[in-house]
Amino acid sequence: MICGTGALSTRDPWPQGPRVERHLLVRRARMEGLLVFDYAERREEAAARLAAWVRTGRLAYREDILHGMERAPGAIARLYRGENSGKLPIRLVHGATR
């Protein structure tokens, strides 16, 4: 909770980088964290619902699939440059080329 200047005056050391506290305070906004691990017991339910949404077109996702371990260094570079659209998995196939 952010409450007036009290939340800002106790900073030692003062944080570096973007600070959203003042914007949240004056707009009376709320920021809350969510971790997928908080809902681990509902994993099966979520997987079934998400799969159904993908099948019906209600949920879409993008991924660029690369094939072979030799593509890994370039894939990491693409991630850092922001050249991927969506997920960027690398498919490793032992003993076969696909």
N, C-alpha and C. Protein backbone atom coordinates (compact mmCIF):
# COMPACT_ATOMS: atom_id res chain seq x y z
N MET A 1 0.84 -1.17 0.00
CA MET A 1 0.00 0.00 0.00
C MET A 1 0.89 1.24 0.00
N ILE A 2 0.51 2.21 -0.76
CA ILE A 2 1.24 3.47 -0.81
C ILE A 2 0.38 4.51 -0.11
N CYS A 3 0.98 5.21 0.81
CA CYS A 3 0.22 6.19 1.59
C CYS A 3 1.00 7.50 1.65
N GLY A 4 0.61 8.47 0.85
CA GLY A 4 1.21 9.80 0.89
C GLY A 4 2.72 9.77 0.73
N THR A 5 3.41 10.75 1.35
CA THR A 5 4.85 10.85 1.20
C THR A 5 5.60 9.88 2.10
N GLY A 6 4.94 9.26 3.04
CA GLY A 6 5.61 8.32 3.94
C GLY A 6 6.28 7.19 3.19
N ALA A 7 5.62 6.72 2.14
CA ALA A 7 6.19 5.63 1.36
C ALA A 7 7.40 6.08 0.57
N LEU A 8 7.47 7.35 0.27
CA LEU A 8 8.57 7.85 -0.54
C LEU A 8 9.74 8.35 0.30
N SER A 9 9.49 8.75 1.53
CA SER A 9 10.55 9.35 2.34
C SER A 9 11.44 8.33 3.03
N THR A 10 11.03 7.06 3.06
CA THR A 10 11.81 6.05 3.77
C THR A 10 12.75 5.28 2.86
N ARG A 11 12.98 5.77 1.67
CA ARG A 11 13.82 5.07 0.71
C ARG A 11 15.29 5.32 1.00
N ASP A 12 16.01 4.25 1.35
CA ASP A 12 17.44 4.39 1.56
C ASP A 12 18.10 3.07 1.21
N PRO A 13 18.77 2.96 0.10
CA PRO A 13 19.04 4.00 -0.87
C PRO A 13 17.84 4.24 -1.78
N TRP A 14 17.78 5.41 -2.40
CA TRP A 14 16.71 5.74 -3.32
C TRP A 14 16.78 4.81 -4.52
N PRO A 15 15.66 4.21 -4.96
CA PRO A 15 15.69 3.24 -6.06
C PRO A 15 16.08 3.87 -7.39
N GLN A 16 16.75 3.10 -8.21
CA GLN A 16 17.11 3.52 -9.55
C GLN A 16 16.08 2.97 -10.53
N GLY A 17 15.94 3.62 -11.66
CA GLY A 17 15.02 3.14 -12.69
C GLY A 17 13.63 3.72 -12.53
N PRO A 18 12.67 3.20 -13.32
CA PRO A 18 11.30 3.73 -13.30
C PRO A 18 10.65 3.56 -11.93
N ARG A 19 9.96 4.58 -11.49
CA ARG A 19 9.24 4.53 -10.22
C ARG A 19 7.78 4.88 -10.47
N VAL A 20 6.91 3.94 -10.24
CA VAL A 20 5.50 4.14 -10.54
C VAL A 20 4.69 4.54 -9.31
N GLU A 21 5.32 4.56 -8.14
CA GLU A 21 4.58 4.79 -6.91
C GLU A 21 3.76 6.08 -6.93
N ARG A 22 4.35 7.17 -7.37
CA ARG A 22 3.63 8.44 -7.39
C ARG A 22 2.44 8.39 -8.33
N HIS A 23 2.60 7.77 -9.50
CA HIS A 23 1.49 7.66 -10.44
C HIS A 23 0.36 6.81 -9.84
N LEU A 24 0.72 5.73 -9.18
CA LEU A 24 -0.29 4.90 -8.54
C LEU A 24 -1.01 5.67 -7.45
N LEU A 25 -0.26 6.42 -6.67
CA LEU A 25 -0.83 7.16 -5.56
C LEU A 25 -1.83 8.21 -6.03
N VAL A 26 -1.43 9.07 -6.94
CA VAL A 26 -2.31 10.18 -7.34
C VAL A 26 -3.50 9.70 -8.16
N ARG A 27 -3.38 8.56 -8.80
CA ARG A 27 -4.51 8.03 -9.57
C ARG A 27 -5.33 7.03 -8.76
N ARG A 28 -4.92 6.83 -7.52
CA ARG A 28 -5.59 5.88 -6.62
C ARG A 28 -5.69 4.50 -7.27
N ALA A 29 -4.63 4.15 -7.97
CA ALA A 29 -4.58 2.88 -8.68
C ALA A 29 -4.05 1.78 -7.76
N ARG A 30 -4.14 0.57 -8.24
CA ARG A 30 -3.69 -0.58 -7.47
C ARG A 30 -2.79 -1.43 -8.35
N MET A 31 -1.70 -1.90 -7.77
CA MET A 31 -0.80 -2.79 -8.48
C MET A 31 -0.69 -4.07 -7.64
N GLU A 32 -0.90 -5.19 -8.29
CA GLU A 32 -0.90 -6.45 -7.56
C GLU A 32 -0.14 -7.49 -8.36
N GLY A 33 0.66 -8.28 -7.68
CA GLY A 33 1.40 -9.33 -8.35
C GLY A 33 0.59 -10.61 -8.42
N LEU A 34 0.89 -11.41 -9.43
CA LEU A 34 0.24 -12.69 -9.59
C LEU A 34 1.30 -13.67 -10.06
N LEU A 35 1.41 -14.77 -9.39
CA LEU A 35 2.35 -15.82 -9.79
C LEU A 35 1.56 -17.07 -10.15
N VAL A 36 1.94 -17.69 -11.25
CA VAL A 36 1.25 -18.89 -11.68
C VAL A 36 1.34 -19.98 -10.60
N PHE A 37 2.43 -19.96 -9.82
CA PHE A 37 2.61 -20.97 -8.78
C PHE A 37 1.55 -20.88 -7.69
N ASP A 38 0.91 -19.73 -7.54
CA ASP A 38 -0.15 -19.57 -6.56
C ASP A 38 -1.37 -20.43 -6.91
N TYR A 39 -1.45 -20.86 -8.15
CA TYR A 39 -2.61 -21.62 -8.62
C TYR A 39 -2.21 -22.99 -9.17
N ALA A 40 -1.12 -23.54 -8.68
CA ALA A 40 -0.60 -24.82 -9.19
C ALA A 40 -1.63 -25.94 -9.09
N GLU A 41 -2.44 -25.92 -8.05
CA GLU A 41 -3.42 -27.00 -7.88
C GLU A 41 -4.52 -26.94 -8.94
N ARG A 42 -4.62 -25.85 -9.69
CA ARG A 42 -5.64 -25.73 -10.74
C ARG A 42 -5.05 -25.88 -12.14
N ARG A 43 -3.83 -26.43 -12.22
CA ARG A 43 -3.15 -26.55 -13.49
C ARG A 43 -3.95 -27.34 -14.52
N GLU A 44 -4.47 -28.47 -14.14
CA GLU A 44 -5.23 -29.31 -15.08
C GLU A 44 -6.47 -28.58 -15.59
N GLU A 45 -7.16 -27.91 -14.72
CA GLU A 45 -8.34 -27.13 -15.11
C GLU A 45 -7.96 -26.04 -16.12
N ALA A 46 -6.87 -25.34 -15.84
CA ALA A 46 -6.42 -24.27 -16.73
C ALA A 46 -6.00 -24.83 -18.08
N ALA A 47 -5.25 -25.93 -18.08
CA ALA A 47 -4.80 -26.52 -19.34
C ALA A 47 -5.98 -26.92 -20.22
N ALA A 48 -7.00 -27.52 -19.62
CA ALA A 48 -8.17 -27.94 -20.39
C ALA A 48 -8.92 -26.73 -20.95
N ARG A 49 -9.09 -25.71 -20.14
CA ARG A 49 -9.82 -24.52 -20.59
C ARG A 49 -9.04 -23.78 -21.68
N LEU A 50 -7.74 -23.62 -21.48
CA LEU A 50 -6.93 -22.93 -22.48
C LEU A 50 -6.89 -23.70 -23.80
N ALA A 51 -6.77 -25.03 -23.72
CA ALA A 51 -6.76 -25.85 -24.94
C ALA A 51 -8.07 -25.69 -25.70
N ALA A 52 -9.18 -25.66 -24.98
CA ALA A 52 -10.48 -25.48 -25.63
C ALA A 52 -10.55 -24.11 -26.30
N TRP A 53 -10.04 -23.10 -25.66
CA TRP A 53 -10.04 -21.76 -26.25
C TRP A 53 -9.18 -21.70 -27.51
N VAL A 54 -8.04 -22.40 -27.50
CA VAL A 54 -7.20 -22.43 -28.70
C VAL A 54 -7.95 -23.15 -29.83
N ARG A 55 -8.58 -24.29 -29.52
CA ARG A 55 -9.31 -25.05 -30.54
C ARG A 55 -10.43 -24.25 -31.17
N THR A 56 -11.14 -23.44 -30.37
CA THR A 56 -12.29 -22.68 -30.88
C THR A 56 -11.89 -21.32 -31.46
N GLY A 57 -10.61 -20.96 -31.36
CA GLY A 57 -10.16 -19.68 -31.88
C GLY A 57 -10.35 -18.51 -30.93
N ARG A 58 -10.84 -18.78 -29.74
CA ARG A 58 -11.01 -17.70 -28.75
C ARG A 58 -9.66 -17.19 -28.23
N LEU A 59 -8.65 -18.05 -28.24
CA LEU A 59 -7.30 -17.70 -27.81
C LEU A 59 -6.33 -18.09 -28.91
N ALA A 60 -5.50 -17.16 -29.31
CA ALA A 60 -4.50 -17.42 -30.34
C ALA A 60 -3.13 -17.10 -29.77
N TYR A 61 -2.12 -17.77 -30.26
CA TYR A 61 -0.76 -17.49 -29.84
C TYR A 61 0.15 -17.60 -31.05
N ARG A 62 1.31 -16.98 -30.94
CA ARG A 62 2.29 -17.03 -32.02
C ARG A 62 3.55 -17.68 -31.48
N GLU A 63 4.20 -18.41 -32.36
CA GLU A 63 5.50 -18.96 -32.02
C GLU A 63 6.32 -19.14 -33.29
N ASP A 64 7.60 -18.91 -33.16
CA ASP A 64 8.56 -19.17 -34.23
C ASP A 64 9.33 -20.40 -33.78
N ILE A 65 9.13 -21.53 -34.46
CA ILE A 65 9.81 -22.76 -34.07
C ILE A 65 11.07 -22.91 -34.91
N LEU A 66 12.20 -23.03 -34.23
CA LEU A 66 13.47 -23.29 -34.90
C LEU A 66 13.80 -24.76 -34.72
N HIS A 67 14.51 -25.34 -35.68
CA HIS A 67 14.82 -26.76 -35.64
C HIS A 67 16.33 -26.97 -35.53
N GLY A 68 16.74 -27.73 -34.50
CA GLY A 68 18.13 -28.11 -34.33
C GLY A 68 18.90 -27.26 -33.34
N MET A 69 19.76 -27.95 -32.59
CA MET A 69 20.58 -27.30 -31.58
C MET A 69 21.49 -26.22 -32.16
N GLU A 70 21.91 -26.41 -33.40
CA GLU A 70 22.80 -25.43 -34.03
C GLU A 70 22.14 -24.06 -34.18
N ARG A 71 20.82 -23.99 -34.09
CA ARG A 71 20.10 -22.71 -34.19
C ARG A 71 20.01 -21.98 -32.85
N ALA A 72 20.40 -22.63 -31.74
CA ALA A 72 20.25 -22.04 -30.41
C ALA A 72 20.99 -20.71 -30.23
N PRO A 73 22.26 -20.59 -30.59
CA PRO A 73 22.94 -19.29 -30.39
C PRO A 73 22.25 -18.15 -31.14
N GLY A 74 21.83 -18.39 -32.35
CA GLY A 74 21.13 -17.37 -33.11
C GLY A 74 19.77 -17.04 -32.52
N ALA A 75 19.12 -18.05 -31.94
CA ALA A 75 17.81 -17.83 -31.34
C ALA A 75 17.92 -16.91 -30.13
N ILE A 76 18.93 -17.11 -29.33
CA ILE A 76 19.13 -16.25 -28.17
C ILE A 76 19.39 -14.82 -28.61
N ALA A 77 20.20 -14.66 -29.64
CA ALA A 77 20.47 -13.32 -30.18
C ALA A 77 19.18 -12.68 -30.69
N ARG A 78 18.33 -13.46 -31.36
CA ARG A 78 17.05 -12.94 -31.86
C ARG A 78 16.18 -12.46 -30.71
N LEU A 79 16.17 -13.21 -29.60
CA LEU A 79 15.38 -12.80 -28.44
C LEU A 79 15.84 -11.45 -27.92
N TYR A 80 17.15 -11.29 -27.76
CA TYR A 80 17.69 -10.03 -27.24
C TYR A 80 17.44 -8.86 -28.18
N ARG A 81 17.38 -9.13 -29.49
CA ARG A 81 17.11 -8.05 -30.45
C ARG A 81 15.62 -7.82 -30.63
N GLY A 82 14.78 -8.69 -30.05
CA GLY A 82 13.33 -8.53 -30.18
C GLY A 82 12.80 -8.92 -31.54
N GLU A 83 13.48 -9.82 -32.22
CA GLU A 83 13.09 -10.20 -33.58
C GLU A 83 12.09 -11.35 -33.63
N ASN A 84 11.78 -11.93 -32.50
CA ASN A 84 10.82 -13.03 -32.50
C ASN A 84 9.40 -12.48 -32.39
N SER A 85 8.44 -13.24 -32.87
CA SER A 85 7.04 -12.88 -32.67
C SER A 85 6.41 -14.01 -31.86
N GLY A 86 6.25 -13.78 -30.59
CA GLY A 86 5.73 -14.81 -29.70
C GLY A 86 6.84 -15.67 -29.14
N LYS A 87 6.48 -16.89 -28.78
CA LYS A 87 7.45 -17.82 -28.22
C LYS A 87 8.48 -18.22 -29.28
N LEU A 88 9.67 -18.59 -28.82
CA LEU A 88 10.73 -18.98 -29.75
C LEU A 88 11.34 -20.31 -29.30
N PRO A 89 10.57 -21.40 -29.42
CA PRO A 89 11.13 -22.70 -29.01
C PRO A 89 12.10 -23.24 -30.06
N ILE A 90 13.00 -24.09 -29.59
CA ILE A 90 13.93 -24.78 -30.48
C ILE A 90 13.61 -26.27 -30.37
N ARG A 91 13.24 -26.88 -31.48
CA ARG A 91 12.88 -28.29 -31.48
C ARG A 91 14.15 -29.10 -31.70
N LEU A 92 14.44 -29.96 -30.74
CA LEU A 92 15.61 -30.82 -30.82
C LEU A 92 15.14 -32.21 -31.20
N VAL A 93 15.68 -32.73 -32.28
CA VAL A 93 15.28 -34.04 -32.75
C VAL A 93 16.52 -34.89 -32.82
N HIS A 94 16.58 -35.95 -32.04
CA HIS A 94 17.74 -36.83 -32.00
C HIS A 94 17.65 -37.86 -33.12
N GLY A 95 18.67 -37.87 -33.97
CA GLY A 95 18.77 -38.91 -34.99
C GLY A 95 17.88 -38.74 -36.20
N ALA A 96 17.17 -37.63 -36.32
CA ALA A 96 16.31 -37.43 -37.49
C ALA A 96 16.24 -35.96 -37.81
N THR A 97 15.99 -35.66 -39.05
CA THR A 97 15.80 -34.27 -39.48
C THR A 97 14.35 -34.09 -39.87
N ARG A 98 13.74 -33.06 -39.32
CA ARG A 98 12.33 -32.78 -39.67
C ARG A 98 12.19 -31.42 -40.25
